C-alpha cells in the first residue's frame, strides 16, 4: 500500500472516530477549516496514528502540514 493510501486511510479513520462526515479525501484538500475540518482532538489522534504507522509524524517533527499532500510529502519516497 502506498504512503498516500495509508495517509488517506488514517484520515478517514480519524474522521470516523470524531463523528465527522465521511468525504472524499484528495491530496489537495486542506486539513483544517473548510477542508476536512480537523480540530485539535483530530490532530492529536492523527499525529498518534501517523507515529504508530510510520514511526514518526510531521507534528512531532515541528512541521505543520496544511494539506493531505503535505503529509504525504513529509514521508518522501514512501520508505517511511
PDB file of N, CA and C in Angstrom:
ATOM      1  N   UNK A   1       0.849  -1.179   0.000  1.00  0.00           N
ATOM      2  CA  UNK A   1       0.000   0.000   0.000  1.00  0.00           C
ATOM      3  C   UNK A   1       0.896   1.244   0.000  1.00  0.00           C
ATOM      4  N   UNK A   2       0.535   2.211  -0.799  1.00  0.00           N
ATOM      5  CA  UNK A   2       1.338   3.428  -0.914  1.00  0.00           C
ATOM      6  C   UNK A   2       1.197   4.311   0.322  1.00  0.00           C
ATOM      7  N   UNK A   3       2.164   5.198   0.500  1.00  0.00           N
ATOM      8  CA  UNK A   3       2.098   6.166   1.592  1.00  0.00           C
ATOM      9  C   UNK A   3       0.820   6.993   1.461  1.00  0.00           C
ATOM     10  N   UNK A   4       0.528   7.426   0.241  1.00  0.00           N
ATOM     11  CA  UNK A   4      -0.675   8.233   0.018  1.00  0.00           C
ATOM     12  C   UNK A   4      -1.924   7.504   0.511  1.00  0.00           C
ATOM     13  N   UNK A   5      -2.067   6.242   0.152  1.00  0.00           N
ATOM     14  CA  UNK A   5      -3.257   5.497   0.559  1.00  0.00           C
ATOM     15  C   UNK A   5      -3.283   5.270   2.067  1.00  0.00           C
ATOM     16  N   UNK A   6      -2.128   5.010   2.667  1.00  0.00           N
ATOM     17  CA  UNK A   6      -2.075   4.847   4.124  1.00  0.00           C
ATOM     18  C   UNK A   6      -2.515   6.128   4.830  1.00  0.00           C
ATOM     19  N   UNK A   7      -2.034   7.269   4.353  1.00  0.00           N
ATOM     20  CA  UNK A   7      -2.401   8.554   4.954  1.00  0.00           C
ATOM     21  C   UNK A   7      -3.902   8.801   4.797  1.00  0.00           C
ATOM     22  N   UNK A   8      -4.433   8.541   3.621  1.00  0.00           N
ATOM     23  CA  UNK A   8      -5.869   8.726   3.390  1.00  0.00           C
ATOM     24  C   UNK A   8      -6.677   7.806   4.300  1.00  0.00           C
ATOM     25  N   UNK A   9      -6.258   6.563   4.434  1.00  0.00           N
ATOM     26  CA  UNK A   9      -6.959   5.622   5.317  1.00  0.00           C
ATOM     27  C   UNK A   9      -6.937   6.109   6.765  1.00  0.00           C
ATOM     28  N   UNK A  10      -5.797   6.621   7.203  1.00  0.00           N
ATOM     29  CA  UNK A  10      -5.684   7.148   8.566  1.00  0.00           C
ATOM     30  C   UNK A  10      -6.613   8.342   8.748  1.00  0.00           C
ATOM     31  N   UNK A  11      -6.637   9.239   7.782  1.00  0.00           N
ATOM     32  CA  UNK A  11      -7.522  10.404   7.874  1.00  0.00           C
ATOM     33  C   UNK A  11      -8.989   9.988   7.910  1.00  0.00           C
ATOM     34  N   UNK A  12      -9.366   8.997   7.123  1.00  0.00           N
ATOM     35  CA  UNK A  12     -10.749   8.514   7.149  1.00  0.00           C
ATOM     36  C   UNK A  12     -11.095   7.938   8.519  1.00  0.00           C
ATOM     37  N   UNK A  13     -10.156   7.240   9.123  1.00  0.00           N
ATOM     38  CA  UNK A  13     -10.367   6.685  10.455  1.00  0.00           C
ATOM     39  C   UNK A  13     -10.532   7.793  11.494  1.00  0.00           C
ATOM     40  N   UNK A  14      -9.691   8.812  11.411  1.00  0.00           N
ATOM     41  CA  UNK A  14      -9.790   9.946  12.336  1.00  0.00           C
ATOM     42  C   UNK A  14     -11.153  10.619  12.201  1.00  0.00           C
ATOM     43  N   UNK A  15     -11.584  10.858  10.982  1.00  0.00           N
ATOM     44  CA  UNK A  15     -12.890  11.489  10.764  1.00  0.00           C
ATOM     45  C   UNK A  15     -14.010  10.633  11.346  1.00  0.00           C
ATOM     46  N   UNK A  16     -13.913   9.326  11.155  1.00  0.00           N
ATOM     47  CA  UNK A  16     -14.931   8.415  11.683  1.00  0.00           C
ATOM     48  C   UNK A  16     -14.950   8.448  13.209  1.00  0.00           C
ATOM     49  N   UNK A  17     -13.775   8.389  13.824  1.00  0.00           N
ATOM     50  CA  UNK A  17     -13.691   8.410  15.293  1.00  0.00           C
ATOM     51  C   UNK A  17     -14.238   9.699  15.883  1.00  0.00           C
ATOM     52  N   UNK A  18     -14.120  10.788  15.157  1.00  0.00           N
ATOM     53  CA  UNK A  18     -14.568  12.089  15.658  1.00  0.00           C
ATOM     54  C   UNK A  18     -15.985  12.434  15.187  1.00  0.00           C
ATOM     55  N   UNK A  19     -16.680  11.437  14.632  1.00  0.00           N
ATOM     56  CA  UNK A  19     -18.059  11.616  14.158  1.00  0.00           C
ATOM     57  C   UNK A  19     -18.197  12.744  13.145  1.00  0.00           C
ATOM     58  N   UNK A  20     -17.174  12.899  12.330  1.00  0.00           N
ATOM     59  CA  UNK A  20     -17.239  13.879  11.246  1.00  0.00           C
ATOM     60  C   UNK A  20     -17.731  13.155   9.995  1.00  0.00           C
ATOM     61  N   UNK A  21     -18.431  13.860   9.125  1.00  0.00           N
ATOM     62  CA  UNK A  21     -18.978  13.192   7.941  1.00  0.00           C
ATOM     63  C   UNK A  21     -17.880  12.646   7.026  1.00  0.00           C
ATOM     64  N   UNK A  22     -18.144  11.470   6.473  1.00  0.00           N
ATOM     65  CA  UNK A  22     -17.210  10.877   5.512  1.00  0.00           C
ATOM     66  C   UNK A  22     -17.184  11.742   4.259  1.00  0.00           C
ATOM     67  N   UNK A  23     -16.025  11.855   3.672  1.00  0.00           N
ATOM     68  CA  UNK A  23     -15.897  12.615   2.436  1.00  0.00           C
ATOM     69  C   UNK A  23     -14.728  12.081   1.629  1.00  0.00           C
ATOM     70  N   UNK A  24     -14.734  12.417   0.354  1.00  0.00           N
ATOM     71  CA  UNK A  24     -13.624  12.012  -0.494  1.00  0.00           C
ATOM     72  C   UNK A  24     -12.390  12.805  -0.078  1.00  0.00           C
ATOM     73  N   UNK A  25     -11.304  12.105   0.118  1.00  0.00           N
ATOM     74  CA  UNK A  25     -10.059  12.753   0.530  1.00  0.00           C
ATOM     75  C   UNK A  25      -9.087  12.711  -0.641  1.00  0.00           C
ATOM     76  N   UNK A  26      -8.654  13.891  -1.054  1.00  0.00           N
ATOM     77  CA  UNK A  26      -7.688  14.015  -2.142  1.00  0.00           C
ATOM     78  C   UNK A  26      -6.439  14.709  -1.616  1.00  0.00           C
ATOM     79  N   UNK A  27      -5.377  14.662  -2.384  1.00  0.00           N
ATOM     80  CA  UNK A  27      -4.112  15.262  -1.947  1.00  0.00           C
ATOM     81  C   UNK A  27      -4.224  16.759  -1.677  1.00  0.00           C
ATOM     82  N   UNK A  28      -5.007  17.458  -2.459  1.00  0.00           N
ATOM     83  CA  UNK A  28      -5.064  18.908  -2.335  1.00  0.00           C
ATOM     84  C   UNK A  28      -6.004  19.443  -1.275  1.00  0.00           C
ATOM     85  N   UNK A  29      -6.756  18.574  -0.633  1.00  0.00           N
ATOM     86  CA  UNK A  29      -7.749  19.057   0.329  1.00  0.00           C
ATOM     87  C   UNK A  29      -7.060  19.592   1.588  1.00  0.00           C
ATOM     88  N   UNK A  30      -7.487  20.767   2.053  1.00  0.00           N
ATOM     89  CA  UNK A  30      -6.934  21.302   3.303  1.00  0.00           C
ATOM     90  C   UNK A  30      -7.340  20.428   4.498  1.00  0.00           C
ATOM     91  N   UNK A  31      -6.466  20.350   5.467  1.00  0.00           N
ATOM     92  CA  UNK A  31      -6.752  19.545   6.654  1.00  0.00           C
ATOM     93  C   UNK A  31      -7.698  20.251   7.619  1.00  0.00           C
ATOM     94  N   UNK A  32      -7.675  21.566   7.604  1.00  0.00           N
ATOM     95  CA  UNK A  32      -8.409  22.349   8.598  1.00  0.00           C
ATOM     96  C   UNK A  32      -9.496  23.184   7.922  1.00  0.00           C
ATOM     97  N   UNK A  33     -10.275  23.878   8.716  1.00  0.00           N
ATOM     98  CA  UNK A  33     -11.263  24.818   8.192  1.00  0.00           C
ATOM     99  C   UNK A  33     -12.226  24.196   7.207  1.00  0.00           C
ATOM    100  N   UNK A  34     -12.314  24.816   6.039  1.00  0.00           N
ATOM    101  CA  UNK A  34     -13.271  24.396   5.016  1.00  0.00           C
ATOM    102  C   UNK A  34     -12.920  23.061   4.361  1.00  0.00           C
ATOM    103  N   UNK A  35     -11.728  22.560   4.622  1.00  0.00           N
ATOM    104  CA  UNK A  35     -11.331  21.269   4.057  1.00  0.00           C
ATOM    105  C   UNK A  35     -11.927  20.135   4.874  1.00  0.00           C
ATOM    106  N   UNK A  36     -11.067  19.366   5.518  1.00  0.00           N
ATOM    107  CA  UNK A  36     -11.531  18.253   6.346  1.00  0.00           C
ATOM    108  C   UNK A  36     -12.069  18.724   7.689  1.00  0.00           C
ATOM    109  N   UNK A  37     -11.738  19.938   8.065  1.00  0.00           N
ATOM    110  CA  UNK A  37     -12.258  20.496   9.313  1.00  0.00           C
ATOM    111  C   UNK A  37     -11.667  19.876  10.566  1.00  0.00           C
ATOM    112  N   UNK A  38     -10.409  19.434  10.487  1.00  0.00           N
ATOM    113  CA  UNK A  38      -9.790  18.831  11.665  1.00  0.00           C
ATOM    114  C   UNK A  38      -9.639  19.855  12.783  1.00  0.00           C
ATOM    115  N   UNK A  39      -9.977  19.435  13.997  1.00  0.00           N
ATOM    116  CA  UNK A  39      -9.771  20.280  15.166  1.00  0.00           C
ATOM    117  C   UNK A  39      -8.603  19.709  15.971  1.00  0.00           C
ATOM    118  N   UNK A  40      -8.344  20.276  17.127  1.00  0.00           N
ATOM    119  CA  UNK A  40      -7.169  19.860  17.896  1.00  0.00           C
ATOM    120  C   UNK A  40      -7.238  18.395  18.324  1.00  0.00           C
ATOM    121  N   UNK A  41      -8.418  17.887  18.640  1.00  0.00           N
ATOM    122  CA  UNK A  41      -8.539  16.470  19.004  1.00  0.00           C
ATOM    123  C   UNK A  41      -8.241  15.573  17.809  1.00  0.00           C
ATOM    124  N   UNK A  42      -8.728  15.966  16.650  1.00  0.00           N
ATOM    125  CA  UNK A  42      -8.452  15.200  15.432  1.00  0.00           C
ATOM    126  C   UNK A  42      -6.959  15.194  15.132  1.00  0.00           C
ATOM    127  N   UNK A  43      -6.324  16.346  15.290  1.00  0.00           N
ATOM    128  CA  UNK A  43      -4.892  16.446  15.003  1.00  0.00           C
ATOM    129  C   UNK A  43      -4.092  15.583  15.977  1.00  0.00           C
ATOM    130  N   UNK A  44      -4.502  15.552  17.236  1.00  0.00           N
ATOM    131  CA  UNK A  44      -3.810  14.708  18.216  1.00  0.00           C
ATOM    132  C   UNK A  44      -3.923  13.236  17.827  1.00  0.00           C
ATOM    133  N   UNK A  45      -5.114  12.820  17.432  1.00  0.00           N
ATOM    134  CA  UNK A  45      -5.296  11.428  17.009  1.00  0.00           C
ATOM    135  C   UNK A  45      -4.526  11.150  15.722  1.00  0.00           C
ATOM    136  N   UNK A  46      -4.587  12.080  14.785  1.00  0.00           N
ATOM    137  CA  UNK A  46      -3.854  11.929  13.527  1.00  0.00           C
ATOM    138  C   UNK A  46      -2.361  11.772  13.796  1.00  0.00           C
ATOM    139  N   UNK A  47      -1.825  12.616  14.646  1.00  0.00           N
ATOM    140  CA  UNK A  47      -0.406  12.557  14.984  1.00  0.00           C
ATOM    141  C   UNK A  47      -0.042  11.194  15.569  1.00  0.00           C
ATOM    142  N   UNK A  48      -0.862  10.707  16.488  1.00  0.00           N
ATOM    143  CA  UNK A  48      -0.595   9.409  17.120  1.00  0.00           C
ATOM    144  C   UNK A  48      -0.653   8.268  16.109  1.00  0.00           C
ATOM    145  N   UNK A  49      -1.631   8.308  15.226  1.00  0.00           N
ATOM    146  CA  UNK A  49      -1.764   7.236  14.234  1.00  0.00           C
ATOM    147  C   UNK A  49      -0.647   7.278  13.195  1.00  0.00           C
ATOM    148  N   UNK A  50      -0.241   8.475  12.802  1.00  0.00           N
ATOM    149  CA  UNK A  50       0.888   8.585  11.869  1.00  0.00           C
ATOM    150  C   UNK A  50       2.163   8.056  12.519  1.00  0.00           C
ATOM    151  N   UNK A  51       2.361   8.407  13.784  1.00  0.00           N
ATOM    152  CA  UNK A  51       3.531   7.925  14.532  1.00  0.00           C
ATOM    153  C   UNK A  51       3.518   6.395  14.623  1.00  0.00           C
ATOM    154  N   UNK A  52       2.367   5.838  14.916  1.00  0.00           N
ATOM    155  CA  UNK A  52       2.248   4.380  15.040  1.00  0.00           C
ATOM    156  C   UNK A  52       2.522   3.690  13.701  1.00  0.00           C
ATOM    157  N   UNK A  53       2.032   4.271  12.630  1.00  0.00           N
ATOM    158  CA  UNK A  53       2.158   3.660  11.308  1.00  0.00           C
ATOM    159  C   UNK A  53       3.543   3.839  10.703  1.00  0.00           C
ATOM    160  N   UNK A  54       4.085   5.069  10.808  1.00  0.00           N
ATOM    161  CA  UNK A  54       5.323   5.407  10.100  1.00  0.00           C
ATOM    162  C   UNK A  54       6.534   5.601  11.015  1.00  0.00           C
ATOM    163  N   UNK A  55       6.331   5.482  12.323  1.00  0.00           N
ATOM    164  CA  UNK A  55       7.406   5.643  13.322  1.00  0.00           C
ATOM    165  C   UNK A  55       7.879   7.090  13.480  1.00  0.00           C
ATOM    166  N   UNK A  56       7.211   8.022  12.838  1.00  0.00           N
ATOM    167  CA  UNK A  56       7.447   9.454  13.015  1.00  0.00           C
ATOM    168  C   UNK A  56       6.234  10.180  12.446  1.00  0.00           C
ATOM    169  N   UNK A  57       6.067  11.428  12.858  1.00  0.00           N
ATOM    170  CA  UNK A  57       4.964  12.199  12.297  1.00  0.00           C
ATOM    171  C   UNK A  57       5.381  13.654  12.156  1.00  0.00           C
ATOM    172  N   UNK A  58       4.755  14.368  11.224  1.00  0.00           N
ATOM    173  CA  UNK A  58       5.181  15.743  10.969  1.00  0.00           C
ATOM    174  C   UNK A  58       4.986  16.660  12.172  1.00  0.00           C
ATOM    175  N   UNK A  59       3.937  16.459  12.936  1.00  0.00           N
ATOM    176  CA  UNK A  59       3.647  17.351  14.059  1.00  0.00           C
ATOM    177  C   UNK A  59       4.747  17.277  15.120  1.00  0.00           C
ATOM    178  N   UNK A  60       5.188  16.076  15.449  1.00  0.00           N
ATOM    179  CA  UNK A  60       6.257  15.899  16.431  1.00  0.00           C
ATOM    180  C   UNK A  60       7.579  16.462  15.918  1.00  0.00           C
ATOM    181  N   UNK A  61       7.751  16.434  14.603  1.00  0.00           N
ATOM    182  CA  UNK A  61       8.978  16.942  13.982  1.00  0.00           C
ATOM    183  C   UNK A  61       8.939  18.457  13.770  1.00  0.00           C
ATOM    184  N   UNK A  62       7.861  19.101  14.212  1.00  0.00           N
ATOM    185  CA  UNK A  62       7.765  20.554  14.094  1.00  0.00           C
ATOM    186  C   UNK A  62       7.235  21.056  12.766  1.00  0.00           C
ATOM    187  N   UNK A  63       6.657  20.164  11.979  1.00  0.00           N
ATOM    188  CA  UNK A  63       6.087  20.538  10.685  1.00  0.00           C
ATOM    189  C   UNK A  63       4.573  20.612  10.849  1.00  0.00           C
ATOM    190  N   UNK A  64       3.967  21.682  10.350  1.00  0.00           N
ATOM    191  CA  UNK A  64       2.514  21.810  10.417  1.00  0.00           C
ATOM    192  C   UNK A  64       1.946  21.692   9.003  1.00  0.00           C
ATOM    193  N   UNK A  65       1.557  20.482   8.617  1.00  0.00           N
ATOM    194  CA  UNK A  65       1.019  20.295   7.270  1.00  0.00           C
ATOM    195  C   UNK A  65      -0.315  21.018   7.109  1.00  0.00           C
ATOM    196  N   UNK A  66      -0.526  21.554   5.926  1.00  0.00           N
ATOM    197  CA  UNK A  66      -1.776  22.254   5.626  1.00  0.00           C
ATOM    198  C   UNK A  66      -2.716  21.402   4.780  1.00  0.00           C
ATOM    199  N   UNK A  67      -2.148  20.473   4.006  1.00  0.00           N
ATOM    200  CA  UNK A  67      -2.953  19.628   3.122  1.00  0.00           C
ATOM    201  C   UNK A  67      -2.540  18.166   3.285  1.00  0.00           C
ATOM    202  N   UNK A  68      -3.336  17.300   2.711  1.00  0.00           N
ATOM    203  CA  UNK A  68      -3.000  15.875   2.695  1.00  0.00           C
ATOM    204  C   UNK A  68      -1.668  15.677   1.970  1.00  0.00           C
ATOM    205  N   UNK A  69      -1.459  16.417   0.898  1.00  0.00           N
ATOM    206  CA  UNK A  69      -0.205  16.315   0.137  1.00  0.00           C
ATOM    207  C   UNK A  69       1.005  16.650   1.005  1.00  0.00           C
ATOM    208  N   UNK A  70       0.853  17.601   1.917  1.00  0.00           N
ATOM    209  CA  UNK A  70       1.959  17.957   2.813  1.00  0.00           C
ATOM    210  C   UNK A  70       2.352  16.770   3.695  1.00  0.00           C
ATOM    211  N   UNK A  71       1.365  16.027   4.158  1.00  0.00           N
ATOM    212  CA  UNK A  71       1.664  14.848   4.983  1.00  0.00           C
ATOM    213  C   UNK A  71       2.368  13.794   4.138  1.00  0.00           C
ATOM    214  N   UNK A  72       1.840  13.528   2.959  1.00  0.00           N
ATOM    215  CA  UNK A  72       2.451  12.534   2.071  1.00  0.00           C
ATOM    216  C   UNK A  72       3.883  12.940   1.738  1.00  0.00           C
ATOM    217  N   UNK A  73       4.090  14.210   1.440  1.00  0.00           N
ATOM    218  CA  UNK A  73       5.432  14.701   1.100  1.00  0.00           C
ATOM    219  C   UNK A  73       6.395  14.551   2.278  1.00  0.00           C
ATOM    220  N   UNK A  74       5.905  14.694   3.494  1.00  0.00           N
ATOM    221  CA  UNK A  74       6.745  14.541   4.677  1.00  0.00           C
ATOM    222  C   UNK A  74       7.412  13.165   4.696  1.00  0.00           C
ATOM    223  N   UNK A  75       6.692  12.161   4.213  1.00  0.00           N
ATOM    224  CA  UNK A  75       7.225  10.803   4.209  1.00  0.00           C
ATOM    225  C   UNK A  75       8.021  10.485   2.952  1.00  0.00           C
ATOM    226  N   UNK A  76       8.159  11.453   2.084  1.00  0.00           N
ATOM    227  CA  UNK A  76       9.056  11.338   0.938  1.00  0.00           C
ATOM    228  C   UNK A  76       8.743  10.208  -0.008  1.00  0.00           C
ATOM    229  N   UNK A  77       9.726   9.359  -0.225  1.00  0.00           N
ATOM    230  CA  UNK A  77       9.633   8.327  -1.254  1.00  0.00           C
ATOM    231  C   UNK A  77       8.834   7.103  -0.838  1.00  0.00           C
ATOM    232  N   UNK A  78       8.243   7.155   0.329  1.00  0.00           N
ATOM    233  CA  UNK A  78       7.438   6.020   0.762  1.00  0.00           C
ATOM    234  C   UNK A  78       8.197   4.998   1.574  1.00  0.00           C
ATOM    235  N   UNK A  79       9.427   5.299   1.912  1.00  0.00           N
ATOM    236  CA  UNK A  79      10.223   4.345   2.683  1.00  0.00           C
ATOM    237  C   UNK A  79       9.989   4.462   4.177  1.00  0.00           C
ATOM    238  N   UNK A  80       9.107   5.376   4.560  1.00  0.00           N
ATOM    239  CA  UNK A  80       8.835   5.582   5.990  1.00  0.00           C
ATOM    240  C   UNK A  80       8.129   4.387   6.582  1.00  0.00           C
TER     241      UNK A  80
END
